[in-house]
C-alpha atoms as a PDB file:
ATOM      1  CA  MET A   1      -4.394  13.751 -11.396  1.00  0.00           C
ATOM      2  CA  ARG A   2      -3.847  11.956  -7.945  1.00  0.00           C
ATOM      3  CA  TYR A   3      -4.186   8.212  -7.530  1.00  0.00           C
ATOM      4  CA  LEU A   4      -4.164   6.165  -4.327  1.00  0.00           C
ATOM      5  CA  MET A   5      -2.260   2.873  -4.649  1.00  0.00           C
ATOM      6  CA  MET A   6      -3.242   0.329  -1.826  1.00  0.00           C
ATOM      7  CA  VAL A   7      -0.827  -2.595  -1.263  1.00  0.00           C
ATOM      8  CA  LYS A   8      -2.897  -5.504  -0.113  1.00  0.00           C
ATOM      9  CA  ALA A   9      -1.979  -7.434   3.083  1.00  0.00           C
ATOM     10  CA  THR A  10      -0.704 -10.855   3.045  1.00  0.00           C
ATOM     11  CA  ALA A  11      -0.650 -13.549   5.861  1.00  0.00           C
ATOM     12  CA  ASP A  12       3.083 -13.177   6.174  1.00  0.00           C
ATOM     13  CA  TYR A  13       2.543  -9.370   6.655  1.00  0.00           C
ATOM     14  CA  GLU A  14      -0.087  -9.884   9.377  1.00  0.00           C
ATOM     15  CA  ALA A  15       2.338 -12.442  10.940  1.00  0.00           C
ATOM     16  CA  GLY A  16       4.766  -9.513  11.326  1.00  0.00           C
ATOM     17  CA  ALA A  17       7.176 -10.430   8.523  1.00  0.00           C
ATOM     18  CA  GLN A  18       9.505  -7.487   7.560  1.00  0.00           C
ATOM     19  CA  ALA A  19      10.628  -6.673   4.177  1.00  0.00           C
ATOM     20  CA  SER A  20      14.046  -7.792   3.407  1.00  0.00           C
ATOM     21  CA  ASN A  21      17.043  -5.243   3.407  1.00  0.00           C
ATOM     22  CA  SER A  22      17.291  -5.614  -0.337  1.00  0.00           C
ATOM     23  CA  LEU A  23      13.620  -4.838  -1.004  1.00  0.00           C
ATOM     24  CA  GLN A  24      13.808  -1.987   1.411  1.00  0.00           C
ATOM     25  CA  ALA A  25      16.826  -0.567  -0.460  1.00  0.00           C
ATOM     26  CA  LEU A  26      15.397  -0.939  -3.909  1.00  0.00           C
ATOM     27  CA  MET A  27      12.058   0.746  -2.606  1.00  0.00           C
ATOM     28  CA  GLY A  28      14.083   3.666  -1.062  1.00  0.00           C
ATOM     29  CA  ASP A  29      15.798   4.070  -4.499  1.00  0.00           C
ATOM     30  CA  TYR A  30      12.536   3.872  -6.316  1.00  0.00           C
ATOM     31  CA  VAL A  31      10.687   6.323  -4.306  1.00  0.00           C
ATOM     32  CA  GLY A  32      13.587   8.736  -4.190  1.00  0.00           C
ATOM     33  CA  LYS A  33      13.517   8.798  -7.921  1.00  0.00           C
ATOM     34  CA  SER A  34       9.645   9.140  -7.883  1.00  0.00           C
ATOM     35  CA  ILE A  35       9.857  12.157  -5.579  1.00  0.00           C
ATOM     36  CA  GLU A  36      12.397  13.761  -7.709  1.00  0.00           C
ATOM     37  CA  GLN A  37      10.215  13.203 -10.822  1.00  0.00           C
ATOM     38  CA  GLY A  38       7.231  14.957  -8.900  1.00  0.00           C
ATOM     39  CA  ILE A  39       5.209  11.619  -8.985  1.00  0.00           C
ATOM     40  CA  PHE A  40       5.353  10.294  -5.501  1.00  0.00           C
ATOM     41  CA  ILE A  41       3.367  12.623  -3.081  1.00  0.00           C
ATOM     42  CA  ASP A  42       3.221  10.465  -0.049  1.00  0.00           C
ATOM     43  CA  GLY A  43       3.270   6.939   1.226  1.00  0.00           C
ATOM     44  CA  ALA A  44       4.004   4.341   3.826  1.00  0.00           C
ATOM     45  CA  GLY A  45       3.804   0.868   5.012  1.00  0.00           C
ATOM     46  CA  LEU A  46       1.306   0.120   7.678  1.00  0.00           C
ATOM     47  CA  GLN A  47       1.576  -1.955  11.030  1.00  0.00           C
ATOM     48  CA  PRO A  48      -0.160  -5.281  10.991  1.00  0.00           C
ATOM     49  CA  THR A  49      -3.778  -5.064  12.168  1.00  0.00           C
ATOM     50  CA  ARG A  50      -3.049  -6.250  15.595  1.00  0.00           C
ATOM     51  CA  ALA A  51      -1.823  -2.552  15.993  1.00  0.00           C
ATOM     52  CA  GLY A  52      -5.052  -1.245  14.830  1.00  0.00           C
ATOM     53  CA  SER A  53      -8.769  -1.031  15.219  1.00  0.00           C
ATOM     54  CA  ARG A  54     -12.006  -0.735  13.131  1.00  0.00           C
ATOM     55  CA  MET A  55     -14.944   1.642  13.925  1.00  0.00           C
ATOM     56  CA  HIS A  56     -18.368   1.109  12.707  1.00  0.00           C
ATOM     57  CA  LEU A  57     -21.534   2.988  12.623  1.00  0.00           C
ATOM     58  CA  ARG A  58     -24.652   1.154  12.699  1.00  0.00           C
ATOM     59  CA  ASP A  59     -28.223   2.348  13.595  1.00  0.00           C
ATOM     60  CA  GLY A  60     -26.670   5.518  15.050  1.00  0.00           C
ATOM     61  CA  GLN A  61     -24.330   3.664  17.285  1.00  0.00           C
ATOM     62  CA  ILE A  62     -20.580   3.675  17.038  1.00  0.00           C
ATOM     63  CA  SER A  63     -18.604   0.487  17.910  1.00  0.00           C
ATOM     64  CA  VAL A  64     -14.903  -0.293  18.085  1.00  0.00           C
ATOM     65  CA  THR A  65     -13.039  -3.527  17.363  1.00  0.00           C
ATOM     66  CA  ASP A  66      -9.612  -3.861  18.145  1.00  0.00           C
ATOM     67  CA  GLY A  67      -7.186  -5.900  15.791  1.00  0.00           C
ATOM     68  CA  PRO A  68      -5.951  -8.253  14.990  1.00  0.00           C
ATOM     69  CA  PHE A  69      -8.554  -9.319  12.196  1.00  0.00           C
ATOM     70  CA  ALA A  70      -8.726 -12.960  11.147  1.00  0.00           C
ATOM     71  CA  LEU A  71      -9.052 -12.488   7.433  1.00  0.00           C
ATOM     72  CA  THR A  72      -6.428 -10.706   5.385  1.00  0.00           C
ATOM     73  CA  GLU A  73      -8.875 -10.386   2.297  1.00  0.00           C
ATOM     74  CA  GLY A  74      -9.377  -6.578   1.810  1.00  0.00           C
ATOM     75  CA  LEU A  75      -6.831  -5.463   4.250  1.00  0.00           C
ATOM     76  CA  VAL A  76      -4.222  -2.834   3.282  1.00  0.00           C
ATOM     77  CA  SER A  77      -0.492  -3.172   4.401  1.00  0.00           C
ATOM     78  CA  GLY A  78       0.702   0.190   2.710  1.00  0.00           C
ATOM     79  CA  PHE A  79      -0.179   3.056   0.246  1.00  0.00           C
ATOM     80  CA  ALA A  80       1.115   5.494  -1.959  1.00  0.00           C
ATOM     81  CA  ILE A  81      -0.309   8.682  -3.382  1.00  0.00           C
ATOM     82  CA  VAL A  82       0.900   9.461  -6.766  1.00  0.00           C
ATOM     83  CA  GLU A  83       0.489  12.307  -9.152  1.00  0.00           C
ATOM     84  CA  VAL A  84       0.240  11.616 -12.839  1.00  0.00           C
ATOM     85  CA  ALA A  85      -1.444  12.643 -15.933  1.00  0.00           C
ATOM     86  CA  ASP A  86      -3.941   9.869 -16.374  1.00  0.00           C
ATOM     87  CA  GLU A  87      -4.848   6.203 -15.403  1.00  0.00           C
ATOM     88  CA  ALA A  88      -2.467   4.766 -17.922  1.00  0.00           C
ATOM     89  CA  ALA A  89       0.372   6.642 -16.366  1.00  0.00           C
ATOM     90  CA  ALA A  90      -0.867   5.436 -12.808  1.00  0.00           C
ATOM     91  CA  ARG A  91      -0.897   1.829 -14.170  1.00  0.00           C
ATOM     92  CA  GLN A  92       2.736   2.320 -15.215  1.00  0.00           C
ATOM     93  CA  VAL A  93       3.778   3.487 -11.824  1.00  0.00           C
ATOM     94  CA  GLY A  94       1.913   0.454 -10.319  1.00  0.00           C
ATOM     95  CA  ARG A  95       3.791  -1.822 -12.704  1.00  0.00           C
ATOM     96  CA  GLU A  96       7.223  -0.156 -11.747  1.00  0.00           C
ATOM     97  CA  PHE A  97       6.249  -0.676  -8.098  1.00  0.00           C
ATOM     98  CA  LEU A  98       5.571  -4.362  -8.697  1.00  0.00           C
ATOM     99  CA  GLU A  99       8.768  -4.669 -10.691  1.00  0.00           C
ATOM    100  CA  VAL A 100      10.646  -3.354  -7.729  1.00  0.00           C
ATOM    101  CA  HIS A 101       9.106  -6.016  -5.477  1.00  0.00           C
ATOM    102  CA  ILE A 102      10.031  -8.740  -8.185  1.00  0.00           C
ATOM    103  CA  ALA A 103      13.640  -7.473  -8.066  1.00  0.00           C
ATOM    104  CA  GLY A 104      13.449  -7.507  -4.131  1.00  0.00           C
ATOM    105  CA  GLY A 105      12.460 -11.299  -4.167  1.00  0.00           C
ATOM    106  CA  VAL A 106       8.790 -10.909  -3.711  1.00  0.00           C
ATOM    107  CA  ALA A 107       6.617 -13.295  -5.705  1.00  0.00           C
ATOM    108  CA  ASP A 108       3.143 -12.469  -4.627  1.00  0.00           C
ATOM    109  CA  ILE A 109       1.736  -9.002  -4.015  1.00  0.00           C
ATOM    110  CA  GLU A 110      -1.383  -7.147  -5.190  1.00  0.00           C
ATOM    111  CA  ILE A 111      -2.142  -3.481  -5.404  1.00  0.00           C
ATOM    112  CA  GLU A 112      -5.260  -1.510  -6.076  1.00  0.00           C
ATOM    113  CA  ILE A 113      -5.144   1.843  -7.847  1.00  0.00           C
ATOM    114  CA  ARG A 114      -8.035   4.410  -7.490  1.00  0.00           C
ATOM    115  CA  PRO A 115      -8.232   8.005  -8.575  1.00  0.00           C
ATOM    116  CA  TYR A 116      -9.061  10.569  -6.213  1.00  0.00           C
ATOM    117  CA  GLU A 117     -12.602  12.237  -6.623  1.00  0.00           C
ATOM    118  CA  ALA A 118     -12.427  15.544  -8.237  1.00  0.00           C
END
């Protein structure tokens, strides 16, 4: 089953902070191994919201709001699509992902894991 792992944005991310070289190397190794195992399907970091926009449909009218967006709550800074047997396996991948961040010196990160609809 496929799961979407969404990495939640932080104020540092929105300010344009880049991942350390150490974290980038660790993530590269982890993703490479996950690809070899057939777990990692796709994923990427996203640019801060100043590079994006939001579109909204209300009462039949479409509006567009350009970034940046003031609040980081609910914003996504990256994603991964993984294919695993079940939710327990998806949580294990999430735990491994977080452990890579700990090893890379990150102390505060949140991910959300959700299954694809069948």
